[in-house]
N, C-alpha and C. Protein backbone atom coordinates (compact mmCIF):
# COMPACT_ATOMS: atom_id res chain seq x y z
N MET A 1 79.87 114.11 79.24
CA MET A 1 79.86 114.92 80.44
C MET A 1 79.65 114.01 81.64
N THR A 2 80.46 114.13 82.64
CA THR A 2 80.30 113.38 83.87
C THR A 2 79.31 114.12 84.75
N ARG A 3 78.34 113.40 85.26
CA ARG A 3 77.33 114.02 86.11
C ARG A 3 77.39 113.36 87.48
N VAL A 4 77.32 114.12 88.51
CA VAL A 4 77.33 113.60 89.86
C VAL A 4 75.90 113.33 90.28
N THR A 5 75.63 112.12 90.73
CA THR A 5 74.32 111.80 91.25
C THR A 5 74.48 111.49 92.73
N ILE A 6 73.80 112.23 93.55
CA ILE A 6 73.88 112.04 94.99
C ILE A 6 72.47 111.78 95.49
N GLN A 7 72.29 110.69 96.22
CA GLN A 7 70.95 110.29 96.60
C GLN A 7 70.76 110.35 98.11
N ASN A 8 71.18 111.32 98.79
CA ASN A 8 71.00 111.40 100.24
C ASN A 8 70.26 112.69 100.55
N ASN A 9 68.98 112.73 100.20
CA ASN A 9 68.15 113.92 100.36
C ASN A 9 68.60 115.06 99.45
N PHE A 10 69.30 114.75 98.40
CA PHE A 10 69.72 115.76 97.45
C PHE A 10 68.81 115.69 96.23
N PHE A 11 68.62 116.80 95.57
CA PHE A 11 68.02 116.78 94.25
C PHE A 11 68.66 117.87 93.42
N GLN A 12 68.62 117.66 92.12
CA GLN A 12 69.26 118.62 91.22
C GLN A 12 68.27 119.74 90.91
N ASN A 13 68.74 120.95 91.01
CA ASN A 13 67.89 122.10 90.75
C ASN A 13 68.07 122.60 89.33
N LYS A 14 69.29 122.95 88.97
CA LYS A 14 69.53 123.37 87.59
C LYS A 14 71.00 123.19 87.28
N ALA A 15 71.29 123.11 86.01
CA ALA A 15 72.67 122.91 85.58
C ALA A 15 73.01 123.91 84.50
N SER A 16 74.28 124.25 84.42
CA SER A 16 74.76 125.09 83.33
C SER A 16 76.16 124.64 82.97
N ASN A 17 76.52 124.78 81.72
CA ASN A 17 77.83 124.35 81.24
C ASN A 17 78.72 125.55 80.99
N PHE A 18 80.02 125.36 81.15
CA PHE A 18 80.98 126.36 80.76
C PHE A 18 82.28 125.65 80.41
N SER A 19 83.11 126.29 79.62
CA SER A 19 84.36 125.68 79.18
C SER A 19 85.52 126.61 79.46
N THR A 20 86.66 126.01 79.75
CA THR A 20 87.90 126.74 79.92
C THR A 20 89.05 125.81 79.60
N ASN A 21 90.03 126.28 78.92
CA ASN A 21 91.20 125.46 78.55
C ASN A 21 90.81 124.13 77.93
N ASN A 22 89.81 124.15 77.06
CA ASN A 22 89.34 122.96 76.34
C ASN A 22 88.79 121.88 77.26
N ILE A 23 88.42 122.23 78.49
CA ILE A 23 87.77 121.28 79.39
C ILE A 23 86.36 121.79 79.63
N THR A 24 85.38 120.92 79.44
CA THR A 24 84.00 121.30 79.66
C THR A 24 83.61 120.96 81.09
N PHE A 25 83.02 121.92 81.76
CA PHE A 25 82.55 121.72 83.13
C PHE A 25 81.04 121.84 83.13
N GLN A 26 80.44 121.20 84.10
CA GLN A 26 79.01 121.36 84.29
C GLN A 26 78.79 121.75 85.74
N LEU A 27 78.10 122.83 85.95
CA LEU A 27 77.83 123.33 87.29
C LEU A 27 76.42 122.89 87.69
N TRP A 28 76.34 122.18 88.80
CA TRP A 28 75.04 121.77 89.33
C TRP A 28 74.82 122.51 90.63
N LYS A 29 73.72 123.18 90.73
CA LYS A 29 73.35 123.78 92.01
C LYS A 29 72.45 122.77 92.70
N MET A 30 72.84 122.38 93.90
CA MET A 30 72.14 121.31 94.59
C MET A 30 71.72 121.79 95.96
N TYR A 31 70.71 121.14 96.50
CA TYR A 31 70.21 121.52 97.81
C TYR A 31 70.23 120.33 98.76
N PHE A 32 70.60 120.57 99.98
CA PHE A 32 70.52 119.59 101.06
C PHE A 32 69.77 120.30 102.16
N ASN A 33 68.58 119.86 102.47
CA ASN A 33 67.65 120.60 103.33
C ASN A 33 67.29 121.89 102.59
N PRO A 34 66.36 122.65 103.06
CA PRO A 34 66.03 123.86 102.32
C PRO A 34 67.03 124.98 102.53
N HIS A 35 68.02 124.79 103.39
CA HIS A 35 68.86 125.89 103.81
C HIS A 35 70.29 125.86 103.27
N LEU A 36 70.84 124.70 103.03
CA LEU A 36 72.24 124.62 102.64
C LEU A 36 72.36 124.44 101.13
N HIS A 37 73.23 125.21 100.51
CA HIS A 37 73.41 125.16 99.06
C HIS A 37 74.82 124.67 98.76
N TYR A 38 74.93 123.70 97.89
CA TYR A 38 76.22 123.16 97.51
C TYR A 38 76.38 123.29 96.01
N MET A 39 77.60 123.52 95.58
CA MET A 39 77.88 123.54 94.15
C MET A 39 79.02 122.57 93.89
N PHE A 40 78.84 121.73 92.89
CA PHE A 40 79.86 120.77 92.51
C PHE A 40 80.21 120.99 91.05
N TYR A 41 81.45 120.81 90.71
CA TYR A 41 81.90 120.92 89.33
C TYR A 41 82.35 119.53 88.90
N SER A 42 81.84 119.05 87.79
CA SER A 42 82.28 117.75 87.31
C SER A 42 83.00 117.94 85.99
N ARG A 43 84.16 117.29 85.88
CA ARG A 43 84.97 117.43 84.68
C ARG A 43 84.70 116.27 83.73
N LYS A 44 84.74 116.58 82.46
CA LYS A 44 84.54 115.56 81.43
C LYS A 44 85.61 114.49 81.56
N ASP A 45 85.22 113.23 81.37
CA ASP A 45 86.12 112.09 81.39
C ASP A 45 86.80 111.89 82.74
N THR A 46 86.19 112.33 83.81
CA THR A 46 86.71 112.10 85.15
C THR A 46 85.62 111.40 85.96
N ILE A 47 85.99 110.31 86.62
CA ILE A 47 85.05 109.66 87.52
C ILE A 47 85.26 110.31 88.88
N MET A 48 84.44 111.26 89.18
CA MET A 48 84.64 112.06 90.38
C MET A 48 84.07 111.36 91.61
N GLN A 49 84.77 111.54 92.70
CA GLN A 49 84.34 111.01 93.99
C GLN A 49 84.01 112.21 94.88
N ILE A 50 82.87 112.16 95.54
CA ILE A 50 82.46 113.21 96.47
C ILE A 50 82.51 112.63 97.88
N ILE A 51 83.12 113.37 98.79
CA ILE A 51 83.13 113.01 100.21
C ILE A 51 82.37 114.09 100.96
N ASN A 52 81.44 113.67 101.80
CA ASN A 52 80.67 114.59 102.63
C ASN A 52 80.93 114.20 104.09
N CYS A 53 81.60 115.07 104.84
CA CYS A 53 81.90 114.83 106.26
C CYS A 53 81.05 115.76 107.10
N GLU A 54 80.25 115.18 107.97
CA GLU A 54 79.34 115.95 108.82
C GLU A 54 79.91 116.03 110.23
N PHE A 55 80.08 117.24 110.74
CA PHE A 55 80.68 117.47 112.05
C PHE A 55 79.65 118.11 112.99
N HIS A 56 79.58 117.61 114.20
CA HIS A 56 78.75 118.19 115.26
C HIS A 56 79.70 118.69 116.34
N ILE A 57 79.85 120.01 116.41
CA ILE A 57 80.79 120.62 117.34
C ILE A 57 80.10 120.79 118.70
N LYS A 58 80.87 120.60 119.77
CA LYS A 58 80.34 120.84 121.12
C LYS A 58 79.84 122.28 121.20
N HIS A 59 78.77 122.48 121.93
CA HIS A 59 78.11 123.79 121.98
C HIS A 59 78.89 124.76 122.86
N ASP A 60 79.98 125.24 122.29
CA ASP A 60 80.86 126.20 122.96
C ASP A 60 81.48 127.06 121.86
N GLN A 61 81.30 128.35 121.95
CA GLN A 61 81.75 129.26 120.89
C GLN A 61 83.26 129.16 120.67
N GLU A 62 84.03 129.02 121.74
CA GLU A 62 85.49 128.92 121.60
C GLU A 62 85.89 127.64 120.86
N LEU A 63 85.20 126.53 121.15
CA LEU A 63 85.49 125.28 120.45
C LEU A 63 85.10 125.38 118.98
N LEU A 64 84.00 126.06 118.70
CA LEU A 64 83.59 126.27 117.31
C LEU A 64 84.65 127.07 116.56
N THR A 65 85.16 128.10 117.19
CA THR A 65 86.22 128.91 116.57
C THR A 65 87.47 128.08 116.33
N GLN A 66 87.84 127.23 117.30
CA GLN A 66 89.00 126.36 117.13
C GLN A 66 88.79 125.40 115.96
N PHE A 67 87.59 124.83 115.87
CA PHE A 67 87.29 123.92 114.76
C PHE A 67 87.45 124.63 113.43
N LYS A 68 86.86 125.81 113.31
CA LYS A 68 86.93 126.54 112.04
C LYS A 68 88.36 126.87 111.65
N LYS A 69 89.17 127.26 112.62
CA LYS A 69 90.58 127.55 112.33
C LYS A 69 91.29 126.30 111.83
N ALA A 70 91.09 125.18 112.53
CA ALA A 70 91.72 123.92 112.12
C ALA A 70 91.21 123.48 110.75
N ALA A 71 89.92 123.64 110.51
CA ALA A 71 89.33 123.24 109.23
C ALA A 71 89.90 124.08 108.08
N LEU A 72 90.07 125.37 108.30
CA LEU A 72 90.61 126.22 107.24
C LEU A 72 92.05 125.86 106.90
N VAL A 73 92.84 125.47 107.90
CA VAL A 73 94.21 125.00 107.64
C VAL A 73 94.15 123.71 106.83
N GLU A 74 93.28 122.78 107.24
CA GLU A 74 93.13 121.51 106.52
C GLU A 74 92.69 121.76 105.08
N ILE A 75 91.73 122.62 104.88
CA ILE A 75 91.23 122.92 103.54
C ILE A 75 92.34 123.50 102.67
N ASP A 76 93.11 124.41 103.23
CA ASP A 76 94.22 125.01 102.47
C ASP A 76 95.20 123.95 102.00
N HIS A 77 95.55 123.01 102.88
CA HIS A 77 96.46 121.93 102.49
C HIS A 77 95.80 120.97 101.49
N ALA A 78 94.55 120.59 101.77
CA ALA A 78 93.86 119.60 100.94
C ALA A 78 93.67 120.08 99.51
N ARG A 79 93.43 121.36 99.33
CA ARG A 79 93.24 121.89 97.97
C ARG A 79 94.51 121.77 97.14
N LYS A 80 95.64 121.60 97.80
CA LYS A 80 96.91 121.44 97.09
C LYS A 80 97.25 119.97 96.85
N ASP A 81 96.48 119.05 97.46
CA ASP A 81 96.73 117.62 97.27
C ASP A 81 96.44 117.21 95.84
N ARG A 82 97.22 116.25 95.35
CA ARG A 82 97.02 115.71 94.01
C ARG A 82 95.62 115.13 93.89
N GLY A 83 94.92 115.50 92.85
CA GLY A 83 93.61 114.94 92.58
C GLY A 83 92.45 115.68 93.21
N ASN A 84 92.72 116.72 93.98
CA ASN A 84 91.62 117.46 94.59
C ASN A 84 90.97 118.37 93.55
N ILE A 85 89.66 118.31 93.47
CA ILE A 85 88.89 119.15 92.56
C ILE A 85 88.25 120.31 93.34
N SER A 86 87.77 120.00 94.53
CA SER A 86 87.11 121.01 95.35
C SER A 86 87.15 120.57 96.80
N PHE A 87 87.20 121.54 97.71
CA PHE A 87 87.22 121.23 99.15
C PHE A 87 86.68 122.45 99.87
N SER A 88 85.52 122.34 100.50
CA SER A 88 84.89 123.50 101.13
C SER A 88 84.22 123.12 102.44
N LEU A 89 84.03 124.12 103.29
CA LEU A 89 83.36 123.97 104.57
C LEU A 89 82.05 124.74 104.53
N PHE A 90 80.98 124.11 105.02
CA PHE A 90 79.66 124.73 105.06
C PHE A 90 79.12 124.64 106.48
N GLN A 91 78.43 125.71 106.90
CA GLN A 91 77.85 125.76 108.24
C GLN A 91 76.34 125.83 108.11
N ASP A 92 75.64 125.04 108.91
CA ASP A 92 74.18 125.04 108.91
C ASP A 92 73.69 126.43 109.34
N VAL A 93 72.70 126.96 108.63
CA VAL A 93 72.21 128.30 108.94
C VAL A 93 71.32 128.32 110.18
N GLU A 94 70.81 127.18 110.59
CA GLU A 94 69.95 127.12 111.77
C GLU A 94 70.68 126.64 113.01
N ASN A 95 71.74 125.86 112.83
CA ASN A 95 72.51 125.35 113.96
C ASN A 95 73.99 125.56 113.65
N GLN A 96 74.57 126.59 114.22
CA GLN A 96 75.95 126.95 113.92
C GLN A 96 76.96 125.87 114.31
N TYR A 97 76.55 124.92 115.13
CA TYR A 97 77.47 123.87 115.58
C TYR A 97 77.46 122.64 114.67
N GLU A 98 76.69 122.68 113.60
CA GLU A 98 76.69 121.62 112.60
C GLU A 98 77.36 122.14 111.35
N LEU A 99 78.45 121.48 110.96
CA LEU A 99 79.21 121.89 109.78
C LEU A 99 79.47 120.68 108.90
N GLN A 100 79.68 120.93 107.62
CA GLN A 100 80.00 119.86 106.68
C GLN A 100 81.16 120.28 105.80
N MET A 101 82.04 119.32 105.57
CA MET A 101 83.10 119.49 104.57
C MET A 101 82.65 118.70 103.35
N ILE A 102 82.66 119.36 102.23
CA ILE A 102 82.32 118.71 100.96
C ILE A 102 83.59 118.71 100.13
N GLU A 103 84.02 117.50 99.75
CA GLU A 103 85.27 117.34 99.01
C GLU A 103 84.96 116.66 97.68
N ALA A 104 85.66 117.04 96.65
CA ALA A 104 85.56 116.36 95.36
C ALA A 104 86.96 115.94 94.94
N TRP A 105 87.10 114.68 94.53
CA TRP A 105 88.40 114.10 94.16
C TRP A 105 88.27 113.42 92.81
N ASP A 106 89.40 113.33 92.11
CA ASP A 106 89.37 112.72 90.78
C ASP A 106 89.46 111.20 90.80
N SER A 107 89.80 110.60 91.95
CA SER A 107 89.93 109.15 92.00
C SER A 107 90.00 108.67 93.44
N GLU A 108 89.77 107.38 93.61
CA GLU A 108 89.89 106.74 94.92
C GLU A 108 91.32 106.82 95.43
N SER A 109 92.30 106.68 94.55
CA SER A 109 93.70 106.74 95.00
C SER A 109 94.05 108.13 95.53
N SER A 110 93.48 109.17 94.95
CA SER A 110 93.71 110.53 95.47
C SER A 110 93.12 110.69 96.87
N ILE A 111 91.96 110.09 97.09
CA ILE A 111 91.34 110.13 98.42
C ILE A 111 92.22 109.43 99.44
N GLU A 112 92.76 108.27 99.06
CA GLU A 112 93.62 107.52 99.98
C GLU A 112 94.89 108.29 100.31
N LEU A 113 95.49 108.93 99.32
CA LEU A 113 96.68 109.74 99.58
C LEU A 113 96.36 110.89 100.53
N HIS A 114 95.23 111.52 100.31
CA HIS A 114 94.82 112.61 101.19
C HIS A 114 94.56 112.09 102.61
N ALA A 115 93.84 110.98 102.73
CA ALA A 115 93.50 110.44 104.04
C ALA A 115 94.74 110.09 104.86
N ASN A 116 95.80 109.68 104.19
CA ASN A 116 97.03 109.30 104.87
C ASN A 116 98.03 110.44 105.00
N SER A 117 97.67 111.62 104.53
CA SER A 117 98.60 112.76 104.58
C SER A 117 98.77 113.23 106.02
N GLY A 118 99.91 113.82 106.28
CA GLY A 118 100.20 114.34 107.61
C GLY A 118 99.22 115.41 108.04
N HIS A 119 98.86 116.30 107.12
CA HIS A 119 97.93 117.38 107.49
C HIS A 119 96.55 116.86 107.83
N ASN A 120 96.08 115.81 107.12
CA ASN A 120 94.77 115.25 107.43
C ASN A 120 94.80 114.52 108.77
N GLN A 121 95.87 113.79 109.03
CA GLN A 121 95.98 113.09 110.31
C GLN A 121 96.04 114.09 111.47
N GLN A 122 96.74 115.21 111.27
CA GLN A 122 96.80 116.26 112.30
C GLN A 122 95.41 116.84 112.55
N PHE A 123 94.67 117.12 111.48
CA PHE A 123 93.31 117.64 111.63
C PHE A 123 92.44 116.67 112.41
N ASN A 124 92.53 115.38 112.08
CA ASN A 124 91.73 114.37 112.79
C ASN A 124 92.07 114.31 114.27
N ARG A 125 93.35 114.48 114.62
CA ARG A 125 93.74 114.50 116.03
C ARG A 125 93.13 115.71 116.74
N GLU A 126 93.09 116.84 116.07
CA GLU A 126 92.55 118.05 116.67
C GLU A 126 91.04 117.96 116.91
N LEU A 127 90.35 117.11 116.16
CA LEU A 127 88.90 116.99 116.29
C LEU A 127 88.44 116.40 117.61
N SER A 128 89.24 115.52 118.21
CA SER A 128 88.78 114.73 119.34
C SER A 128 88.18 115.55 120.48
N ASN A 129 88.71 116.73 120.76
CA ASN A 129 88.19 117.56 121.85
C ASN A 129 87.15 118.57 121.39
N LEU A 130 86.85 118.60 120.11
CA LEU A 130 85.96 119.63 119.57
C LEU A 130 84.57 119.12 119.21
N VAL A 131 84.45 117.83 118.89
CA VAL A 131 83.19 117.29 118.38
C VAL A 131 82.47 116.46 119.44
N THR A 132 81.14 116.36 119.28
CA THR A 132 80.35 115.57 120.22
C THR A 132 80.47 114.08 119.94
N HIS A 133 80.73 113.72 118.69
CA HIS A 133 80.94 112.32 118.30
C HIS A 133 81.70 112.31 116.97
N LEU A 134 82.13 111.13 116.57
CA LEU A 134 82.89 111.01 115.33
C LEU A 134 82.08 111.55 114.15
N PRO A 135 82.75 112.17 113.19
CA PRO A 135 82.04 112.70 112.02
C PRO A 135 81.40 111.58 111.20
N ALA A 136 80.25 111.86 110.64
CA ALA A 136 79.63 110.95 109.68
C ALA A 136 80.26 111.25 108.33
N VAL A 137 80.78 110.21 107.68
CA VAL A 137 81.45 110.38 106.40
C VAL A 137 80.70 109.57 105.35
N HIS A 138 80.32 110.24 104.27
CA HIS A 138 79.61 109.59 103.16
C HIS A 138 80.43 109.80 101.89
N GLN A 139 80.53 108.73 101.09
CA GLN A 139 81.28 108.83 99.84
C GLN A 139 80.35 108.50 98.69
N TYR A 140 80.43 109.32 97.63
CA TYR A 140 79.59 109.15 96.46
C TYR A 140 80.48 109.15 95.22
N VAL A 141 80.04 108.44 94.20
CA VAL A 141 80.78 108.39 92.94
C VAL A 141 79.81 108.70 91.80
N SER A 142 80.32 109.30 90.74
CA SER A 142 79.47 109.61 89.60
C SER A 142 79.00 108.31 88.96
N ASP A 143 77.83 108.35 88.35
CA ASP A 143 77.27 107.15 87.75
C ASP A 143 77.51 107.07 86.25
N GLU A 144 78.25 108.03 85.70
CA GLU A 144 78.53 108.04 84.26
C GLU A 144 80.02 108.21 84.03
N ASN A 145 80.48 107.75 82.91
CA ASN A 145 81.89 107.95 82.54
C ASN A 145 82.01 109.03 81.51
């Protein structure tokens, strides 16, 4: 079983296993701060890569709405990219202008293909007028094979 270990104020709360189509998955419920809940699925025999992109949107409701619309388009495209396991947007419950995209990929090459895709480049161009500063991007890899 591949297990994701993330060491940036994360800790593992509980895990459960389930199987489908002869693939075993392990569901980890994880916490980042006491307010945000993330779920990651790790597939057996996959060295999964997790990308965490933190966005700080300018404090304007219209800009926040524009960001969410652009993010949902990006997520829709990214979920169809080769090697994507999961791609979701999370909003801080205390500060609506702080959002995070959590992505899971099956390999570094899949991440590179996604990063160079037209839809990702378009999303990045749209960000320039919406965010207070460049997004913080963190990449994590599983520690087991």
